[in-house]
């Protein structure tokens, strides 16, 4: 959000990156922002100060005149931030999944050994089933807490 907010606040006063001012068809695009209008010899004589330029743009072109050409940078900042958040969330999710998988295997082993008389005994199908149920309950508890927090 910080990039989008900064763009919306600073765009009317910023120089921007637009097409070449000498290109006739793009003249309206490049001359929309206040600082760019001061840099253009054709429009610089029209304004005395920054405040005068802003008030004149709003009077002549309405409030939207300050934001001509904002679409491209806005799309860029939005998609960039969305991509960054997606990558961070993916990395976090992968780390969390590794921890949860470790929990499932550790709790399965714990519940299996809990039922055996000796550590080297082979568990029966019933004991494996009960250990799986115990591991599932432990996983469900931790997973529900995870989704409640996040």
N, C-alpha and C. Protein backbone atom coordinates (compact mmCIF):
# COMPACT_ATOMS: atom_id res chain seq x y z
N UNK A 1 0.81 -1.20 0.00
CA UNK A 1 0.00 0.00 0.00
C UNK A 1 0.86 1.26 0.00
N UNK A 2 2.04 1.20 0.60
CA UNK A 2 2.87 2.39 0.71
C UNK A 2 3.25 2.94 -0.66
N UNK A 3 3.49 2.10 -1.64
CA UNK A 3 3.85 2.57 -2.98
C UNK A 3 2.68 3.22 -3.68
N UNK A 4 1.50 2.63 -3.53
CA UNK A 4 0.30 3.18 -4.17
C UNK A 4 -0.08 4.51 -3.53
N UNK A 5 -0.03 4.58 -2.21
CA UNK A 5 -0.36 5.83 -1.52
C UNK A 5 0.62 6.93 -1.91
N UNK A 6 1.89 6.60 -1.93
CA UNK A 6 2.90 7.58 -2.33
C UNK A 6 2.69 8.05 -3.76
N UNK A 7 2.30 7.13 -4.62
CA UNK A 7 2.05 7.50 -6.01
C UNK A 7 0.85 8.44 -6.12
N UNK A 8 -0.23 8.12 -5.44
CA UNK A 8 -1.44 8.95 -5.51
C UNK A 8 -1.20 10.33 -4.92
N UNK A 9 -0.45 10.39 -3.82
CA UNK A 9 -0.18 11.69 -3.20
C UNK A 9 0.81 12.51 -4.02
N UNK A 10 1.86 11.87 -4.49
CA UNK A 10 2.93 12.61 -5.16
C UNK A 10 2.77 12.79 -6.65
N UNK A 11 1.88 12.04 -7.28
CA UNK A 11 1.77 12.07 -8.74
C UNK A 11 1.50 13.46 -9.32
N UNK A 12 0.57 14.24 -8.77
CA UNK A 12 0.30 15.54 -9.39
C UNK A 12 1.51 16.48 -9.41
N UNK A 13 2.43 16.32 -8.47
CA UNK A 13 3.58 17.21 -8.39
C UNK A 13 4.85 16.60 -8.98
N UNK A 14 4.81 15.33 -9.33
CA UNK A 14 6.00 14.62 -9.78
C UNK A 14 6.28 14.91 -11.25
N UNK A 15 7.54 14.61 -11.66
CA UNK A 15 7.90 14.80 -13.06
C UNK A 15 7.32 13.70 -13.92
N UNK A 16 7.27 12.49 -13.43
CA UNK A 16 6.70 11.39 -14.20
C UNK A 16 7.62 10.95 -15.32
N UNK A 17 7.30 9.80 -15.88
CA UNK A 17 8.02 9.27 -17.03
C UNK A 17 7.01 9.10 -18.15
N UNK A 18 6.93 10.03 -19.03
CA UNK A 18 5.96 9.98 -20.11
C UNK A 18 6.64 9.97 -21.45
N UNK A 19 5.86 10.03 -22.52
CA UNK A 19 6.44 10.06 -23.86
C UNK A 19 7.16 11.38 -24.13
N UNK A 20 7.85 11.44 -25.24
CA UNK A 20 8.60 12.62 -25.64
C UNK A 20 7.66 13.80 -25.83
N UNK A 21 7.95 14.97 -25.20
CA UNK A 21 7.06 16.12 -25.33
C UNK A 21 6.90 16.62 -26.76
N UNK A 22 7.87 16.29 -27.62
CA UNK A 22 7.77 16.78 -28.99
C UNK A 22 6.76 15.99 -29.81
N UNK A 23 6.32 14.85 -29.33
CA UNK A 23 5.33 14.05 -30.06
C UNK A 23 3.96 14.67 -29.85
N UNK A 24 3.34 15.15 -30.91
CA UNK A 24 2.07 15.89 -30.83
C UNK A 24 0.94 15.05 -30.22
N UNK A 25 0.81 13.79 -30.60
CA UNK A 25 -0.33 13.00 -30.13
C UNK A 25 -0.24 12.68 -28.64
N UNK A 26 0.94 12.77 -28.05
CA UNK A 26 1.09 12.45 -26.63
C UNK A 26 1.25 13.71 -25.77
N UNK A 27 1.09 14.89 -26.34
CA UNK A 27 1.33 16.13 -25.60
C UNK A 27 0.45 16.23 -24.36
N UNK A 28 -0.81 15.82 -24.43
CA UNK A 28 -1.71 15.91 -23.28
C UNK A 28 -1.26 14.97 -22.17
N UNK A 29 -0.70 13.82 -22.56
CA UNK A 29 -0.25 12.86 -21.56
C UNK A 29 0.94 13.39 -20.78
N UNK A 30 1.92 13.99 -21.47
CA UNK A 30 3.15 14.41 -20.81
C UNK A 30 2.94 15.70 -20.02
N UNK A 31 2.00 16.53 -20.44
CA UNK A 31 1.88 17.83 -19.80
C UNK A 31 0.83 17.86 -18.69
N UNK A 32 0.45 16.70 -18.17
CA UNK A 32 -0.61 16.68 -17.17
C UNK A 32 -0.11 17.04 -15.78
N UNK A 33 1.11 16.73 -15.45
CA UNK A 33 1.57 16.95 -14.09
C UNK A 33 2.18 18.34 -13.94
N UNK A 34 2.10 18.88 -12.75
CA UNK A 34 2.48 20.26 -12.49
C UNK A 34 3.96 20.51 -12.83
N UNK A 35 4.83 19.68 -12.32
CA UNK A 35 6.26 19.91 -12.54
C UNK A 35 6.62 19.81 -14.02
N UNK A 36 5.99 18.86 -14.70
CA UNK A 36 6.25 18.70 -16.13
C UNK A 36 5.75 19.92 -16.89
N UNK A 37 4.65 20.48 -16.45
CA UNK A 37 4.12 21.68 -17.12
C UNK A 37 5.06 22.87 -16.94
N UNK A 38 5.73 22.93 -15.80
CA UNK A 38 6.72 24.00 -15.61
C UNK A 38 7.95 23.76 -16.49
N UNK A 39 8.28 22.52 -16.77
CA UNK A 39 9.45 22.20 -17.58
C UNK A 39 9.19 22.39 -19.07
N UNK A 40 7.93 22.36 -19.47
CA UNK A 40 7.59 22.52 -20.88
C UNK A 40 7.51 24.01 -21.20
N UNK A 41 8.31 24.52 -22.16
CA UNK A 41 8.30 25.95 -22.46
C UNK A 41 6.94 26.48 -22.90
N UNK A 42 6.15 25.66 -23.55
CA UNK A 42 4.84 26.10 -24.04
C UNK A 42 3.85 26.35 -22.90
N UNK A 43 3.94 25.57 -21.82
CA UNK A 43 2.98 25.71 -20.73
C UNK A 43 3.56 26.44 -19.52
N UNK A 44 4.87 26.59 -19.45
CA UNK A 44 5.51 27.21 -18.28
C UNK A 44 5.08 28.66 -18.09
N UNK A 45 4.84 29.37 -19.17
CA UNK A 45 4.48 30.79 -19.06
C UNK A 45 3.05 30.99 -18.55
N UNK A 46 2.27 29.93 -18.55
CA UNK A 46 0.86 30.00 -18.14
C UNK A 46 0.71 30.05 -16.62
N UNK A 47 1.70 29.52 -15.88
CA UNK A 47 1.59 29.39 -14.43
C UNK A 47 2.64 30.24 -13.73
N UNK A 48 2.24 30.87 -12.61
CA UNK A 48 3.16 31.70 -11.83
C UNK A 48 3.84 30.89 -10.72
N UNK A 49 3.05 30.09 -9.98
CA UNK A 49 3.57 29.29 -8.87
C UNK A 49 2.96 27.89 -8.94
N UNK A 50 3.44 27.02 -8.08
CA UNK A 50 2.89 25.67 -8.03
C UNK A 50 1.43 25.70 -7.62
N UNK A 51 1.11 26.50 -6.62
CA UNK A 51 -0.29 26.60 -6.17
C UNK A 51 -1.17 27.15 -7.29
N UNK A 52 -0.67 28.12 -8.03
CA UNK A 52 -1.43 28.67 -9.15
C UNK A 52 -1.62 27.61 -10.24
N UNK A 53 -0.59 26.82 -10.48
CA UNK A 53 -0.70 25.76 -11.49
C UNK A 53 -1.74 24.72 -11.08
N UNK A 54 -1.73 24.32 -9.81
CA UNK A 54 -2.70 23.34 -9.34
C UNK A 54 -4.11 23.88 -9.43
N UNK A 55 -4.31 25.11 -8.99
CA UNK A 55 -5.66 25.69 -9.03
C UNK A 55 -6.13 25.87 -10.48
N UNK A 56 -5.24 26.24 -11.38
CA UNK A 56 -5.61 26.41 -12.79
C UNK A 56 -5.96 25.07 -13.42
N UNK A 57 -5.18 24.04 -13.13
CA UNK A 57 -5.47 22.70 -13.67
C UNK A 57 -6.82 22.22 -13.17
N UNK A 58 -7.08 22.39 -11.88
CA UNK A 58 -8.37 21.95 -11.32
C UNK A 58 -9.51 22.75 -11.94
N UNK A 59 -9.32 24.05 -12.11
CA UNK A 59 -10.38 24.88 -12.68
C UNK A 59 -10.66 24.51 -14.14
N UNK A 60 -9.60 24.32 -14.94
CA UNK A 60 -9.76 24.08 -16.37
C UNK A 60 -10.07 22.61 -16.70
N UNK A 61 -9.43 21.69 -15.98
CA UNK A 61 -9.55 20.27 -16.34
C UNK A 61 -10.22 19.43 -15.26
N UNK A 62 -10.70 20.06 -14.23
CA UNK A 62 -11.29 19.39 -13.05
C UNK A 62 -10.17 18.67 -12.28
N UNK A 63 -10.56 18.03 -11.20
CA UNK A 63 -9.58 17.38 -10.31
C UNK A 63 -8.83 16.24 -11.01
N UNK A 64 -9.50 15.58 -11.94
CA UNK A 64 -8.87 14.48 -12.67
C UNK A 64 -7.69 14.91 -13.53
N UNK A 65 -7.62 16.20 -13.85
CA UNK A 65 -6.50 16.69 -14.64
C UNK A 65 -5.16 16.51 -13.95
N UNK A 66 -5.17 16.48 -12.64
CA UNK A 66 -3.93 16.26 -11.88
C UNK A 66 -3.44 14.82 -11.99
N UNK A 67 -4.34 13.91 -12.38
CA UNK A 67 -4.00 12.49 -12.39
C UNK A 67 -4.02 11.88 -13.78
N UNK A 68 -3.90 12.70 -14.83
CA UNK A 68 -3.79 12.14 -16.17
C UNK A 68 -2.51 11.33 -16.27
N UNK A 69 -2.61 10.13 -16.79
CA UNK A 69 -1.44 9.28 -16.97
C UNK A 69 -1.05 8.47 -15.75
N UNK A 70 -1.89 8.41 -14.73
CA UNK A 70 -1.55 7.66 -13.52
C UNK A 70 -1.81 6.16 -13.67
N UNK A 71 -2.59 5.78 -14.67
CA UNK A 71 -3.00 4.38 -14.80
C UNK A 71 -1.82 3.43 -14.91
N UNK A 72 -0.88 3.72 -15.78
CA UNK A 72 0.25 2.82 -15.98
C UNK A 72 1.10 2.65 -14.71
N UNK A 73 1.53 3.74 -14.05
CA UNK A 73 2.30 3.54 -12.82
C UNK A 73 1.48 2.88 -11.71
N UNK A 74 0.17 3.15 -11.68
CA UNK A 74 -0.68 2.55 -10.66
C UNK A 74 -0.78 1.04 -10.85
N UNK A 75 -0.93 0.61 -12.09
CA UNK A 75 -0.96 -0.84 -12.39
C UNK A 75 0.38 -1.47 -12.04
N UNK A 76 1.47 -0.78 -12.35
CA UNK A 76 2.80 -1.31 -12.03
C UNK A 76 2.97 -1.51 -10.53
N UNK A 77 2.66 -0.47 -9.73
CA UNK A 77 2.83 -0.57 -8.29
C UNK A 77 1.90 -1.62 -7.68
N UNK A 78 0.68 -1.69 -8.18
CA UNK A 78 -0.28 -2.66 -7.65
C UNK A 78 0.19 -4.08 -7.91
N UNK A 79 0.57 -4.38 -9.15
CA UNK A 79 1.00 -5.74 -9.46
C UNK A 79 2.32 -6.08 -8.78
N UNK A 80 3.21 -5.11 -8.65
CA UNK A 80 4.48 -5.37 -7.97
C UNK A 80 4.26 -5.73 -6.50
N UNK A 81 3.41 -4.95 -5.83
CA UNK A 81 3.15 -5.23 -4.43
C UNK A 81 2.40 -6.55 -4.25
N UNK A 82 1.47 -6.82 -5.15
CA UNK A 82 0.74 -8.08 -5.09
C UNK A 82 1.69 -9.25 -5.27
N UNK A 83 2.64 -9.12 -6.19
CA UNK A 83 3.62 -10.17 -6.43
C UNK A 83 4.51 -10.37 -5.21
N UNK A 84 4.96 -9.27 -4.60
CA UNK A 84 5.81 -9.37 -3.41
C UNK A 84 5.08 -10.05 -2.26
N UNK A 85 3.82 -9.69 -2.03
CA UNK A 85 3.03 -10.30 -0.96
C UNK A 85 2.80 -11.77 -1.24
N UNK A 86 2.55 -12.11 -2.51
CA UNK A 86 2.32 -13.51 -2.88
C UNK A 86 3.57 -14.34 -2.62
N UNK A 87 4.73 -13.83 -2.98
CA UNK A 87 5.99 -14.56 -2.74
C UNK A 87 6.22 -14.75 -1.25
N UNK A 88 6.03 -13.68 -0.47
CA UNK A 88 6.23 -13.79 0.98
C UNK A 88 5.27 -14.79 1.60
N UNK A 89 4.02 -14.75 1.17
CA UNK A 89 3.02 -15.68 1.69
C UNK A 89 3.36 -17.11 1.29
N UNK A 90 3.84 -17.32 0.07
CA UNK A 90 4.23 -18.65 -0.38
C UNK A 90 5.37 -19.21 0.46
N UNK A 91 6.38 -18.39 0.70
CA UNK A 91 7.53 -18.84 1.51
C UNK A 91 7.07 -19.16 2.93
N UNK A 92 6.23 -18.30 3.50
CA UNK A 92 5.72 -18.53 4.85
C UNK A 92 4.90 -19.81 4.91
N UNK A 93 4.05 -20.02 3.90
CA UNK A 93 3.21 -21.21 3.86
C UNK A 93 4.05 -22.47 3.74
N UNK A 94 5.09 -22.43 2.93
CA UNK A 94 5.95 -23.61 2.78
C UNK A 94 6.66 -23.95 4.09
N UNK A 95 7.13 -22.94 4.78
CA UNK A 95 7.78 -23.17 6.07
C UNK A 95 6.78 -23.73 7.08
N UNK A 96 5.58 -23.19 7.08
CA UNK A 96 4.55 -23.67 8.00
C UNK A 96 4.14 -25.10 7.68
N UNK A 97 4.03 -25.42 6.39
CA UNK A 97 3.69 -26.79 6.00
C UNK A 97 4.77 -27.78 6.43
N UNK A 98 6.02 -27.38 6.35
CA UNK A 98 7.11 -28.25 6.80
C UNK A 98 6.98 -28.53 8.30
N UNK A 99 6.65 -27.50 9.08
CA UNK A 99 6.46 -27.70 10.51
C UNK A 99 5.27 -28.61 10.81
N UNK A 100 4.18 -28.41 10.07
CA UNK A 100 2.99 -29.24 10.30
C UNK A 100 3.23 -30.69 9.89
N UNK A 101 3.98 -30.90 8.81
CA UNK A 101 4.32 -32.28 8.42
C UNK A 101 5.20 -32.94 9.49
N UNK A 102 6.11 -32.17 10.03
CA UNK A 102 6.93 -32.70 11.12
C UNK A 102 6.09 -33.06 12.32
N UNK A 103 5.08 -32.24 12.61
CA UNK A 103 4.17 -32.53 13.72
C UNK A 103 3.41 -33.83 13.49
N UNK A 104 2.93 -34.03 12.27
CA UNK A 104 2.17 -35.26 11.97
C UNK A 104 3.05 -36.49 12.17
N UNK A 105 4.25 -36.48 11.62
CA UNK A 105 5.12 -37.65 11.74
C UNK A 105 5.58 -37.88 13.18
N UNK A 106 5.89 -36.80 13.88
CA UNK A 106 6.34 -36.95 15.28
C UNK A 106 5.21 -37.44 16.16
N UNK A 107 4.00 -36.90 15.97
CA UNK A 107 2.89 -37.35 16.81
C UNK A 107 2.47 -38.78 16.46
N UNK A 108 2.56 -39.16 15.19
CA UNK A 108 2.28 -40.55 14.82
C UNK A 108 3.25 -41.50 15.51
N UNK A 109 4.52 -41.14 15.48
CA UNK A 109 5.53 -41.98 16.14
C UNK A 109 5.30 -42.01 17.66
N UNK A 110 4.94 -40.86 18.24
CA UNK A 110 4.68 -40.80 19.68
C UNK A 110 3.51 -41.71 20.06
N UNK A 111 2.40 -41.62 19.31
CA UNK A 111 1.23 -42.44 19.64
C UNK A 111 1.45 -43.92 19.34
N UNK A 112 2.31 -44.22 18.38
CA UNK A 112 2.64 -45.63 18.11
C UNK A 112 3.45 -46.20 19.27
N UNK A 113 4.49 -45.50 19.70
CA UNK A 113 5.34 -45.98 20.79
C UNK A 113 4.59 -46.03 22.11
N UNK A 114 3.60 -45.14 22.27
CA UNK A 114 2.81 -45.11 23.49
C UNK A 114 2.04 -46.43 23.68
N UNK A 115 1.68 -47.09 22.59
CA UNK A 115 0.89 -48.32 22.64
C UNK A 115 1.75 -49.59 22.74
N UNK A 116 3.01 -49.49 22.39
CA UNK A 116 3.87 -50.68 22.35
C UNK A 116 4.50 -50.94 23.71
N UNK A 117 4.68 -52.23 24.02
CA UNK A 117 5.34 -52.61 25.27
C UNK A 117 6.83 -52.34 25.19
N UNK A 118 7.43 -52.72 24.05
CA UNK A 118 8.86 -52.50 23.85
C UNK A 118 9.04 -51.70 22.57
N UNK A 119 10.09 -50.95 22.47
CA UNK A 119 10.33 -50.08 21.32
C UNK A 119 10.55 -50.82 20.01
N UNK A 120 11.03 -52.08 20.08
CA UNK A 120 11.31 -52.81 18.84
C UNK A 120 10.16 -53.70 18.39
N UNK A 121 9.01 -53.66 19.08
CA UNK A 121 7.84 -54.44 18.67
C UNK A 121 7.24 -53.87 17.38
N UNK A 122 6.62 -54.75 16.61
CA UNK A 122 5.93 -54.32 15.40
C UNK A 122 4.48 -54.00 15.75
N UNK A 123 3.99 -52.78 15.40
CA UNK A 123 2.62 -52.42 15.76
C UNK A 123 1.60 -53.19 14.91
N UNK A 124 0.47 -53.45 15.50
CA UNK A 124 -0.62 -54.10 14.78
C UNK A 124 -1.36 -53.05 13.95
N UNK A 125 -2.26 -53.54 13.11
CA UNK A 125 -3.04 -52.63 12.27
C UNK A 125 -3.92 -51.72 13.14
N UNK A 126 -4.44 -52.25 14.21
CA UNK A 126 -5.27 -51.45 15.13
C UNK A 126 -4.43 -50.37 15.80
N UNK A 127 -3.21 -50.72 16.21
CA UNK A 127 -2.34 -49.74 16.85
C UNK A 127 -1.92 -48.64 15.86
N UNK A 128 -1.68 -49.02 14.60
CA UNK A 128 -1.34 -48.03 13.57
C UNK A 128 -2.52 -47.09 13.33
N UNK A 129 -3.73 -47.68 13.30
CA UNK A 129 -4.94 -46.88 13.11
C UNK A 129 -5.12 -45.89 14.25
N UNK A 130 -4.96 -46.37 15.49
CA UNK A 130 -5.11 -45.48 16.64
C UNK A 130 -4.03 -44.39 16.67
N UNK A 131 -2.81 -44.74 16.27
CA UNK A 131 -1.74 -43.74 16.20
C UNK A 131 -2.06 -42.70 15.12
N UNK A 132 -2.62 -43.14 14.00
CA UNK A 132 -3.01 -42.22 12.93
C UNK A 132 -4.13 -41.29 13.39
N UNK A 133 -5.08 -41.82 14.16
CA UNK A 133 -6.16 -40.99 14.70
C UNK A 133 -5.59 -39.94 15.66
N UNK A 134 -4.68 -40.36 16.52
CA UNK A 134 -4.04 -39.43 17.46
C UNK A 134 -3.26 -38.35 16.73
N UNK A 135 -2.53 -38.74 15.67
CA UNK A 135 -1.77 -37.76 14.89
C UNK A 135 -2.73 -36.79 14.18
N UNK A 136 -3.85 -37.32 13.69
CA UNK A 136 -4.84 -36.47 13.02
C UNK A 136 -5.47 -35.47 13.97
N UNK A 137 -5.75 -35.91 15.20
CA UNK A 137 -6.33 -35.00 16.20
C UNK A 137 -5.32 -33.91 16.56
N UNK A 138 -4.07 -34.29 16.76
CA UNK A 138 -3.04 -33.30 17.09
C UNK A 138 -2.87 -32.30 15.94
N UNK A 139 -2.84 -32.80 14.71
CA UNK A 139 -2.69 -31.94 13.55
C UNK A 139 -3.89 -31.00 13.42
N UNK A 140 -5.09 -31.53 13.60
CA UNK A 140 -6.30 -30.71 13.47
C UNK A 140 -6.32 -29.60 14.50
N UNK A 141 -5.91 -29.92 15.72
CA UNK A 141 -5.89 -28.90 16.77
C UNK A 141 -4.94 -27.77 16.41
N UNK A 142 -3.73 -28.12 16.03
CA UNK A 142 -2.73 -27.11 15.69
C UNK A 142 -3.14 -26.36 14.43
N UNK A 143 -3.69 -27.05 13.45
CA UNK A 143 -4.09 -26.41 12.19
C UNK A 143 -5.25 -25.44 12.41
N UNK A 144 -6.18 -25.79 13.28
CA UNK A 144 -7.30 -24.88 13.58
C UNK A 144 -6.80 -23.64 14.28
N UNK A 145 -5.87 -23.80 15.18
CA UNK A 145 -5.29 -22.64 15.86
C UNK A 145 -4.56 -21.76 14.85
N UNK A 146 -3.87 -22.38 13.89
CA UNK A 146 -3.14 -21.62 12.86
C UNK A 146 -4.12 -20.77 12.04
N UNK A 147 -5.24 -21.32 11.63
CA UNK A 147 -6.19 -20.56 10.82
C UNK A 147 -6.94 -19.53 11.66
N UNK A 148 -7.05 -19.75 12.95
CA UNK A 148 -7.68 -18.75 13.81
C UNK A 148 -6.76 -17.54 13.96
N UNK A 149 -5.46 -17.78 14.06
CA UNK A 149 -4.50 -16.70 14.22
C UNK A 149 -4.33 -15.94 12.91
N UNK A 150 -4.21 -16.67 11.80
CA UNK A 150 -3.93 -16.02 10.52
C UNK A 150 -5.21 -15.75 9.80
